[in-house]
Amino acid sequence: MALVAALLGACGDDEGRPPPPGTDAGPRIDSGPRTDSGPRDGGPDGALDAGDGGGTGFDAGSGPTCVLGPADVWDLAEEVGVQPRTVPVAARAVGFGVAWTASQDGANNVWFRAVPLAGDPSDAVQITDDYALSRGPALLSLGDSFLVAWYDNSSGNFDVWARPIGTDGAATGSAQQITTSTLRDDNPALVRSGSGVLAAWVEDDMVGGTRIARSRMLSAAGAPSGSPSTVSAPPLSPAEPILTPRSGGYALTWAETRAGASHVIVVPLDATGASAGDPVTVDTEGNSDGTVDAHLGESGGAVVFGVMVSGVRPEVRFRAVTPTGSVSDTLPERSLTIGADERGTDPSIDALGPGYVVAYRALPAGERTTPMIRLLVVDSIGDVVVDGDIAEAASTGGRTSVAVAPDATVLITWSDIEGTTTTLRAARVACD
């Protein structure tokens, strides 16, 4: 079926936005045929395109129907400053939770808002309340509650903390300190593990110049158990890890730059969170732009990431991975931004039906003059089934996040940097 949207109109102008990147026509990875069914820019007909659907998982010429209401885009928060960030979102049966960090009264704290399947988001709830620098929140849905994690320097060192909260953001337990090393610990990630939670983070030795990924089991209330496991070792250098399930355990995915190349790495973990095999390089060109997201499960999954082709052209890539988290020549890297007016970065991914939804920041190129948040529905090997623009955006701000509720409602979150201000935004799209 066609994908129809009542698109949001212009939300601001381009003042303060950096110039668009170059449009070098260097080599690209083809994503296969795509059948156009009309304008892709949210033009006068308001329609978003349905692709050919000729890959795996969707019937040819079909895809879900999704609708973006004119009031379903919100500014979640705004602050003075130009700190790029990811705004994590987690889905539950009746809506979503969103977490972020923002400065107030000289401190940087963690905040939360609930977004229902219909209606407006709740008021913001403050999760942390101390004069510390809180950053890098992660949010995990536990069904009838959430667990939020972050890192801050409230102890005198940068450590990772976790706290259980209700679906309204109110604390249901005390903050739990997950790390106690003398080094900087940052960028936590969370995933369900039976009745508990697996946490991962990065230990940064700023003197030694190394970054090491570690993991640890937590209770549903965030209380740590056992000792941390070492997940990676130099020369690997994880930045902002993504933690997902996989067949037989978990997988930790990140983008890194070292030895003159930028790669996307997946490290398999066993059921305890310990390393369970050699790291896997997902990309094929060594030109990652540092933005990456992953959705894996018992039957396999996919990784999406940004690349910079020939140093000037930003593209969004997709690669399917096996149930164990490995890659295969039969599941090649695909470009999701192949048209003359398609450039992009900051991708995110979640499952939708037999395929995935992918959100990203579309950048000016060709006839596209305004950055937009763009939504794709792709099949299991990366063929685009449906695509369309969601809302105007800034050219920079950080990676998007996307989550899908059980009823196929989609929530996309992102951050826009315009001039000296950072605005955190969300858009809700109802799919069937």
Protein backbone atom coordinates (compact mmCIF):
# COMPACT_ATOMS: atom_id res chain seq x y z
CA MET A 1 0.00 0.00 0.00
CA ALA A 2 1.10 3.57 -0.45
CA LEU A 3 2.63 5.57 2.37
CA VAL A 4 0.67 8.75 2.99
CA ALA A 5 1.62 11.64 5.29
CA ALA A 6 0.25 15.00 6.26
CA LEU A 7 3.70 16.51 6.39
CA LEU A 8 4.77 19.17 8.79
CA GLY A 9 5.37 22.52 7.16
CA ALA A 10 8.54 24.56 7.46
CA CYS A 11 9.84 24.81 11.03
CA GLY A 12 12.34 27.64 10.93
CA ASP A 13 14.77 28.92 8.38
CA ASP A 14 18.36 28.10 7.55
CA GLU A 15 19.94 30.88 9.59
CA GLY A 16 22.98 29.65 11.47
CA ARG A 17 23.19 26.35 9.63
CA PRO A 18 26.52 25.30 8.16
CA PRO A 19 26.86 25.11 4.38
CA PRO A 20 25.87 21.81 2.74
CA PRO A 21 28.61 19.27 2.04
CA GLY A 22 30.02 18.83 -1.43
CA THR A 23 28.37 16.62 -3.99
CA ASP A 24 31.27 14.74 -5.48
CA ALA A 25 30.10 12.05 -7.87
CA GLY A 26 32.63 9.46 -6.79
CA PRO A 27 31.98 5.72 -6.51
CA ARG A 28 28.91 4.52 -4.67
CA ILE A 29 27.38 1.23 -3.62
CA ASP A 30 24.15 0.54 -5.46
CA SER A 31 21.07 -0.37 -3.42
CA GLY A 32 19.28 -1.99 -6.35
CA PRO A 33 16.29 -0.81 -8.37
CA ARG A 34 13.69 1.50 -6.92
CA THR A 35 10.41 2.37 -8.58
CA ASP A 36 9.38 5.99 -8.17
CA SER A 37 5.71 6.73 -7.61
CA GLY A 38 5.80 10.50 -7.38
CA PRO A 39 7.64 13.36 -5.75
CA ARG A 40 9.88 12.39 -2.81
CA ASP A 41 10.08 15.79 -1.19
CA GLY A 42 6.70 15.90 0.48
CA GLY A 43 5.46 18.07 -2.35
CA PRO A 44 1.97 19.38 -3.01
CA ASP A 45 0.38 15.94 -2.99
CA GLY A 46 1.79 15.25 0.49
CA ALA A 47 2.57 11.70 -0.54
CA LEU A 48 5.63 9.68 0.39
CA ASP A 49 6.80 7.13 -2.11
CA ALA A 50 6.34 3.38 -2.17
CA GLY A 51 9.31 1.61 -3.70
CA ASP A 52 9.33 -1.58 -5.69
CA GLY A 53 9.50 -3.84 -2.63
CA GLY A 54 11.29 -6.43 -4.70
CA GLY A 55 13.57 -7.71 -1.94
CA THR A 56 12.94 -10.02 0.97
CA GLY A 57 10.01 -9.66 3.39
CA PHE A 58 7.49 -7.42 1.60
CA ASP A 59 5.34 -8.13 -1.43
CA ALA A 60 6.38 -6.28 -4.58
CA GLY A 61 4.71 -2.89 -4.86
CA SER A 62 3.50 -2.92 -1.25
CA GLY A 63 4.50 -1.66 2.12
CA PRO A 64 2.93 -0.32 5.31
CA THR A 65 0.74 2.77 5.33
CA CYS A 66 2.10 5.45 7.66
CA VAL A 67 0.61 8.84 8.59
CA LEU A 68 2.30 11.81 10.20
CA GLY A 69 -0.26 14.19 11.66
CA PRO A 70 0.38 17.94 11.36
CA ALA A 71 0.64 18.24 15.17
CA ASP A 72 2.80 15.16 15.71
CA VAL A 73 6.17 16.94 15.75
CA TRP A 74 7.37 18.51 19.00
CA ASP A 75 10.25 20.42 20.48
CA LEU A 76 11.14 18.37 23.56
CA ALA A 77 13.70 20.75 25.02
CA GLU A 78 16.00 23.61 24.09
CA GLU A 79 19.21 24.96 25.54
CA VAL A 80 21.94 27.44 24.70
CA GLY A 81 24.99 25.52 23.50
CA VAL A 82 26.11 23.44 20.54
CA GLN A 83 26.63 19.99 22.00
CA PRO A 84 25.72 17.24 19.46
CA ARG A 85 23.82 14.43 21.13
CA THR A 86 21.63 11.40 20.64
CA VAL A 87 18.15 11.48 22.20
CA PRO A 88 17.39 7.86 23.16
CA VAL A 89 13.84 6.59 22.76
CA ALA A 90 12.35 3.32 24.04
CA ALA A 91 8.99 1.82 23.08
CA ARG A 92 6.41 0.13 25.30
CA ALA A 93 2.89 -1.15 24.64
CA VAL A 94 1.13 2.19 25.09
CA GLY A 95 3.77 4.66 24.01
CA PHE A 96 7.38 5.70 24.36
CA GLY A 97 9.89 7.13 26.76
CA VAL A 98 12.48 9.72 25.73
CA ALA A 99 15.57 10.75 27.71
CA TRP A 100 18.15 13.49 27.21
CA THR A 101 20.60 15.72 29.04
CA ALA A 102 20.32 19.48 29.25
CA SER A 103 21.95 22.29 31.20
CA GLN A 104 20.11 24.19 33.90
CA ASP A 105 21.45 26.48 36.64
CA GLY A 106 25.04 25.59 35.82
CA ALA A 107 24.49 21.82 35.97
CA ASN A 108 23.81 19.27 33.27
CA ASN A 109 21.10 16.79 34.25
CA VAL A 110 19.13 13.89 32.77
CA TRP A 111 15.49 14.51 31.81
CA PHE A 112 12.57 12.33 30.65
CA ARG A 113 9.25 12.74 28.81
CA ALA A 114 6.61 10.13 28.01
CA VAL A 115 5.08 10.18 24.52
CA PRO A 116 1.75 8.35 24.16
CA LEU A 117 0.49 6.64 21.01
CA ALA A 118 -1.91 9.58 20.60
CA GLY A 119 -1.87 13.04 22.14
CA ASP A 120 0.93 15.25 23.38
CA PRO A 121 4.05 14.29 25.35
CA SER A 122 4.06 14.61 29.12
CA ASP A 123 5.83 17.42 30.91
CA ALA A 124 9.58 16.98 31.38
CA VAL A 125 10.68 15.14 34.51
CA GLN A 126 14.16 15.66 35.96
CA ILE A 127 15.95 12.35 36.66
CA THR A 128 19.19 13.63 38.18
CA ASP A 129 19.52 16.64 40.45
CA ASP A 130 23.09 17.45 41.35
CA TYR A 131 25.78 19.87 40.28
CA ALA A 132 27.52 17.44 37.99
CA LEU A 133 28.12 17.04 34.29
CA SER A 134 25.67 14.31 33.21
CA ARG A 135 25.97 13.00 29.64
CA GLY A 136 25.27 10.06 27.34
CA PRO A 137 21.90 8.78 28.57
CA ALA A 138 20.61 5.33 27.61
CA LEU A 139 16.99 4.28 28.06
CA LEU A 140 15.55 0.76 28.23
CA SER A 141 11.87 -0.22 28.37
CA LEU A 142 11.03 -2.93 30.89
CA GLY A 143 7.35 -3.03 29.94
CA ASP A 144 5.73 -1.31 32.90
CA SER A 145 8.80 0.76 33.77
CA PHE A 146 12.09 2.06 32.36
CA LEU A 147 15.74 1.89 33.33
CA VAL A 148 17.82 4.95 32.49
CA ALA A 149 21.63 5.03 32.54
CA TRP A 150 24.08 7.89 32.14
CA TYR A 151 27.58 8.96 33.10
CA ASP A 152 28.55 11.90 35.32
CA ASN A 153 31.28 13.21 37.58
CA SER A 154 29.22 13.45 40.78
CA SER A 155 31.65 11.07 42.53
CA GLY A 156 34.70 13.12 41.53
CA ASN A 157 35.38 10.81 38.59
CA PHE A 158 33.31 10.09 35.47
CA ASP A 159 31.30 6.97 36.31
CA VAL A 160 28.24 5.20 34.89
CA TRP A 161 25.01 5.23 36.87
CA ALA A 162 21.56 3.68 36.44
CA ARG A 163 18.17 4.40 37.95
CA PRO A 164 14.72 2.75 37.64
CA ILE A 165 11.84 5.07 36.76
CA GLY A 166 8.14 4.62 36.18
CA THR A 167 6.39 5.16 32.88
CA ASP A 168 5.81 8.77 33.97
CA GLY A 169 9.50 9.32 34.68
CA ALA A 170 9.16 9.34 38.47
CA ALA A 171 11.99 7.55 40.24
CA THR A 172 11.07 4.12 41.62
CA GLY A 173 14.47 3.46 43.19
CA SER A 174 17.77 5.09 44.01
CA ALA A 175 20.58 5.74 41.55
CA GLN A 176 23.02 2.81 41.31
CA GLN A 177 26.73 3.29 40.62
CA ILE A 178 27.76 0.79 37.93
CA THR A 179 31.46 1.64 37.58
CA THR A 180 34.11 2.43 40.18
CA SER A 181 37.38 2.46 38.24
CA THR A 182 39.86 5.32 38.54
CA LEU A 183 39.54 5.93 34.78
CA ARG A 184 36.79 7.76 32.91
CA ASP A 185 33.75 5.55 32.18
CA ASP A 186 31.22 6.87 29.67
CA ASN A 187 28.60 6.20 26.98
CA PRO A 188 26.47 3.42 28.55
CA ALA A 189 24.21 1.08 26.58
CA LEU A 190 21.47 -1.23 27.90
CA VAL A 191 19.64 -4.38 26.76
CA ARG A 192 17.17 -6.78 28.39
CA SER A 193 18.69 -9.98 29.77
CA GLY A 194 16.07 -12.37 31.12
CA SER A 195 14.58 -10.71 34.19
CA GLY A 196 17.54 -8.36 34.40
CA VAL A 197 19.63 -6.05 32.25
CA LEU A 198 23.02 -6.14 30.57
CA ALA A 199 24.92 -2.84 30.57
CA ALA A 200 27.94 -1.92 28.49
CA TRP A 201 30.09 1.18 28.51
CA VAL A 202 33.50 2.50 27.48
CA GLU A 203 36.47 2.89 29.83
CA ASP A 204 38.66 5.76 28.64
CA ASP A 205 42.32 5.87 29.69
CA MET A 206 43.09 9.42 28.64
CA VAL A 207 46.74 9.12 29.69
CA GLY A 208 47.35 5.78 28.00
CA GLY A 209 45.29 6.78 24.97
CA THR A 210 43.08 3.66 24.96
CA ARG A 211 39.33 3.06 25.07
CA ILE A 212 38.05 -0.35 26.18
CA ALA A 213 34.46 -1.64 26.15
CA ARG A 214 33.23 -3.37 29.31
CA SER A 215 29.95 -4.98 30.34
CA ARG A 216 28.16 -5.95 33.55
CA MET A 217 24.89 -7.58 34.55
CA LEU A 218 22.35 -5.47 36.44
CA SER A 219 19.06 -6.14 38.14
CA ALA A 220 15.91 -4.57 36.71
CA ALA A 221 16.41 -1.86 39.33
CA GLY A 222 19.91 -1.17 38.03
CA ALA A 223 21.86 -2.80 40.87
CA PRO A 224 25.12 -4.30 39.53
CA SER A 225 26.09 -7.93 40.13
CA GLY A 226 29.33 -9.76 39.56
CA SER A 227 32.43 -8.15 38.14
CA PRO A 228 32.67 -6.20 34.86
CA SER A 229 33.72 -8.16 31.76
CA THR A 230 36.25 -6.79 29.29
CA VAL A 231 34.65 -6.80 25.85
CA SER A 232 37.34 -5.23 23.68
CA ALA A 233 41.08 -4.59 23.74
CA PRO A 234 43.38 -2.19 21.90
CA PRO A 235 43.83 -1.39 19.10
CA LEU A 236 39.99 -1.44 19.00
CA SER A 237 38.72 1.95 20.15
CA PRO A 238 34.97 2.00 20.81
CA ALA A 239 33.18 5.35 20.93
CA GLU A 240 29.40 5.17 21.46
CA PRO A 241 28.40 1.48 21.63
CA ILE A 242 25.05 0.00 20.64
CA LEU A 243 24.02 -3.09 22.63
CA THR A 244 21.58 -5.58 21.08
CA PRO A 245 20.55 -9.23 21.48
CA ARG A 246 21.73 -11.88 18.99
CA SER A 247 21.38 -15.63 18.70
CA GLY A 248 23.15 -17.14 21.72
CA GLY A 249 23.91 -13.85 23.44
CA TYR A 250 24.39 -10.20 22.60
CA ALA A 251 26.32 -7.95 20.24
CA LEU A 252 28.10 -4.67 20.81
CA THR A 253 28.35 -2.36 17.77
CA TRP A 254 30.26 0.88 17.38
CA ALA A 255 32.08 3.11 14.88
CA GLU A 256 35.73 3.98 15.39
CA THR A 257 38.63 5.72 13.70
CA ARG A 258 42.18 4.40 13.90
CA ALA A 259 45.15 3.76 11.62
CA GLY A 260 43.83 6.18 9.03
CA ALA A 261 40.48 4.39 8.53
CA SER A 262 37.02 4.62 10.06
CA HIS A 263 35.18 1.33 10.51
CA VAL A 264 31.98 -0.09 11.96
CA ILE A 265 32.69 -2.97 14.36
CA VAL A 266 30.46 -5.69 15.85
CA VAL A 267 31.75 -7.75 18.78
CA PRO A 268 29.76 -10.88 19.70
CA LEU A 269 29.05 -11.40 23.41
CA ASP A 270 27.86 -14.55 25.17
CA ALA A 271 24.84 -14.85 27.47
CA THR A 272 26.83 -13.38 30.38
CA GLY A 273 28.00 -10.35 28.40
CA ALA A 274 31.57 -11.59 27.96
CA SER A 275 33.33 -11.46 24.60
CA ALA A 276 32.44 -14.52 22.52
CA GLY A 277 34.47 -14.20 19.33
CA ASP A 278 36.58 -12.04 17.10
CA PRO A 279 35.37 -8.55 16.20
CA VAL A 280 33.59 -8.26 12.84
CA THR A 281 34.11 -5.33 10.47
CA VAL A 282 30.75 -4.45 8.93
CA ASP A 283 31.72 -1.79 6.41
CA THR A 284 33.79 -2.40 3.28
CA GLU A 285 35.40 0.97 2.55
CA GLY A 286 36.79 2.27 5.85
CA ASN A 287 34.99 5.61 5.47
CA SER A 288 32.48 5.59 8.34
CA ASP A 289 31.49 9.07 9.53
CA GLY A 290 31.11 7.83 13.12
CA THR A 291 27.30 7.48 13.18
CA VAL A 292 25.90 3.97 13.58
CA ASP A 293 22.89 2.06 14.90
CA ALA A 294 21.95 -1.62 14.95
CA HIS A 295 18.96 -3.89 15.37
CA LEU A 296 19.79 -7.58 15.88
CA GLY A 297 17.86 -10.54 17.20
CA GLU A 298 17.60 -14.32 17.19
CA SER A 299 16.98 -14.40 13.43
CA GLY A 300 19.62 -11.86 12.45
CA GLY A 301 19.40 -8.15 11.91
CA ALA A 302 20.98 -5.12 10.31
CA VAL A 303 23.40 -2.28 10.93
CA VAL A 304 22.98 1.21 9.48
CA PHE A 305 25.80 3.73 9.40
CA GLY A 306 26.93 6.95 7.81
CA VAL A 307 29.89 7.14 5.44
CA MET A 308 31.76 9.97 3.72
CA VAL A 309 32.42 8.99 0.10
CA SER A 310 35.58 10.51 -1.38
CA GLY A 311 35.74 12.74 1.68
CA VAL A 312 32.86 14.95 0.51
CA ARG A 313 29.61 13.04 -0.07
CA PRO A 314 27.70 11.78 2.99
CA GLU A 315 25.66 8.62 2.47
CA VAL A 316 23.68 6.23 4.64
CA ARG A 317 24.58 2.54 4.32
CA PHE A 318 22.77 -0.64 5.36
CA ARG A 319 24.16 -4.10 5.93
CA ALA A 320 22.27 -7.19 6.99
CA VAL A 321 24.00 -9.42 9.54
CA THR A 322 23.54 -13.08 10.41
CA PRO A 323 21.88 -14.35 13.61
CA THR A 324 25.33 -14.66 15.24
CA GLY A 325 26.26 -11.07 14.36
CA SER A 326 28.63 -11.85 11.49
CA VAL A 327 28.57 -10.59 7.89
CA SER A 328 28.59 -12.46 4.60
CA ASP A 329 29.38 -11.69 0.97
CA THR A 330 25.82 -12.83 0.23
CA LEU A 331 24.57 -9.93 2.40
CA PRO A 332 26.45 -6.98 0.86
CA GLU A 333 26.63 -3.39 2.04
CA ARG A 334 23.86 -1.31 0.47
CA SER A 335 23.44 2.44 0.03
CA LEU A 336 20.10 3.89 1.15
CA THR A 337 20.87 7.30 -0.38
CA ILE A 338 21.49 6.74 -4.08
CA GLY A 339 19.65 9.50 -5.94
CA ALA A 340 21.15 12.74 -7.23
CA ASP A 341 19.37 14.63 -4.44
CA GLU A 342 19.99 12.06 -1.71
CA ARG A 343 22.73 12.69 0.84
CA GLY A 344 22.46 11.73 4.48
CA THR A 345 23.94 10.95 7.88
CA ASP A 346 22.91 10.20 11.49
CA PRO A 347 20.92 6.98 10.76
CA SER A 348 18.96 4.89 13.23
CA ILE A 349 17.02 1.63 12.86
CA ASP A 350 14.32 -0.51 14.46
CA ALA A 351 12.26 -3.50 13.32
CA LEU A 352 8.92 -3.02 11.57
CA GLY A 353 7.05 -6.09 10.34
CA PRO A 354 9.32 -8.27 8.21
CA GLY A 355 11.77 -5.41 7.69
CA TYR A 356 12.95 -2.21 9.33
CA VAL A 357 12.35 1.49 9.66
CA VAL A 358 15.39 3.69 9.14
CA ALA A 359 15.48 7.37 10.09
CA TYR A 360 18.27 9.72 9.06
CA ARG A 361 19.18 13.35 8.47
CA ALA A 362 18.86 14.11 4.75
CA LEU A 363 21.27 16.87 3.69
CA PRO A 364 21.00 19.45 0.88
CA ALA A 365 22.03 18.19 -2.55
CA GLY A 366 20.63 18.56 -6.05
CA GLU A 367 17.09 19.88 -5.79
CA ARG A 368 17.00 19.40 -2.01
CA THR A 369 17.76 22.78 -0.42
CA THR A 370 16.68 22.14 3.16
CA PRO A 371 17.89 19.46 5.58
CA MET A 372 15.11 17.06 6.57
CA ILE A 373 14.54 14.13 8.87
CA ARG A 374 13.72 11.29 6.50
CA LEU A 375 12.01 7.95 7.13
CA LEU A 376 12.51 4.77 5.10
CA VAL A 377 10.89 1.36 5.34
CA VAL A 378 13.25 -1.29 4.02
CA ASP A 379 13.07 -5.05 3.68
CA SER A 380 15.44 -7.46 5.38
CA ILE A 381 18.24 -6.99 2.83
CA GLY A 382 17.98 -3.22 2.53
CA ASP A 383 15.71 -2.66 -0.46
CA VAL A 384 13.67 0.50 0.10
CA VAL A 385 9.93 -0.20 0.23
CA VAL A 386 8.70 3.24 1.33
CA ASP A 387 10.43 6.58 1.77
CA GLY A 388 9.54 10.15 2.65
CA ASP A 389 10.46 13.37 4.44
CA ILE A 390 9.18 13.84 8.00
CA ALA A 391 10.25 17.28 9.26
CA GLU A 392 12.71 20.05 8.58
CA ALA A 393 15.96 19.83 10.51
CA ALA A 394 19.34 21.46 10.92
CA SER A 395 22.36 20.11 9.08
CA THR A 396 24.00 18.96 12.32
CA GLY A 397 22.98 17.87 15.78
CA GLY A 398 23.82 14.21 16.31
CA ARG A 399 22.44 10.79 15.43
CA THR A 400 18.70 10.24 15.16
CA SER A 401 16.92 7.61 17.25
CA VAL A 402 13.88 5.58 16.21
CA ALA A 403 11.64 3.09 18.02
CA VAL A 404 8.54 1.13 16.99
CA ALA A 405 5.69 0.36 19.40
CA PRO A 406 3.81 -2.97 19.18
CA ASP A 407 0.99 -1.30 17.21
CA ALA A 408 3.56 -0.08 14.61
CA THR A 409 3.55 3.54 15.77
CA VAL A 410 7.01 5.00 15.13
CA LEU A 411 8.74 7.70 17.17
CA ILE A 412 11.80 9.49 15.79
CA THR A 413 13.94 11.77 17.96
CA TRP A 414 16.84 14.01 17.02
CA SER A 415 18.82 17.10 17.99
CA ASP A 416 19.21 20.25 15.86
CA ILE A 417 22.07 22.71 16.29
CA GLU A 418 21.18 26.13 14.91
CA GLY A 419 23.46 29.05 15.71
CA THR A 420 24.21 28.86 19.45
CA THR A 421 21.09 26.85 20.33
CA THR A 422 20.46 23.08 20.47
CA THR A 423 16.84 21.93 20.16
CA LEU A 424 15.74 18.35 20.87
CA ARG A 425 12.80 17.22 18.76
CA ALA A 426 10.47 14.25 18.19
CA ALA A 427 8.06 13.13 15.47
CA ARG A 428 5.41 10.42 15.77
CA VAL A 429 4.35 8.42 12.70
CA ALA A 430 1.42 5.98 12.80
CA CYS A 431 1.95 2.90 10.61
CA ASP A 432 -0.20 -0.18 10.07
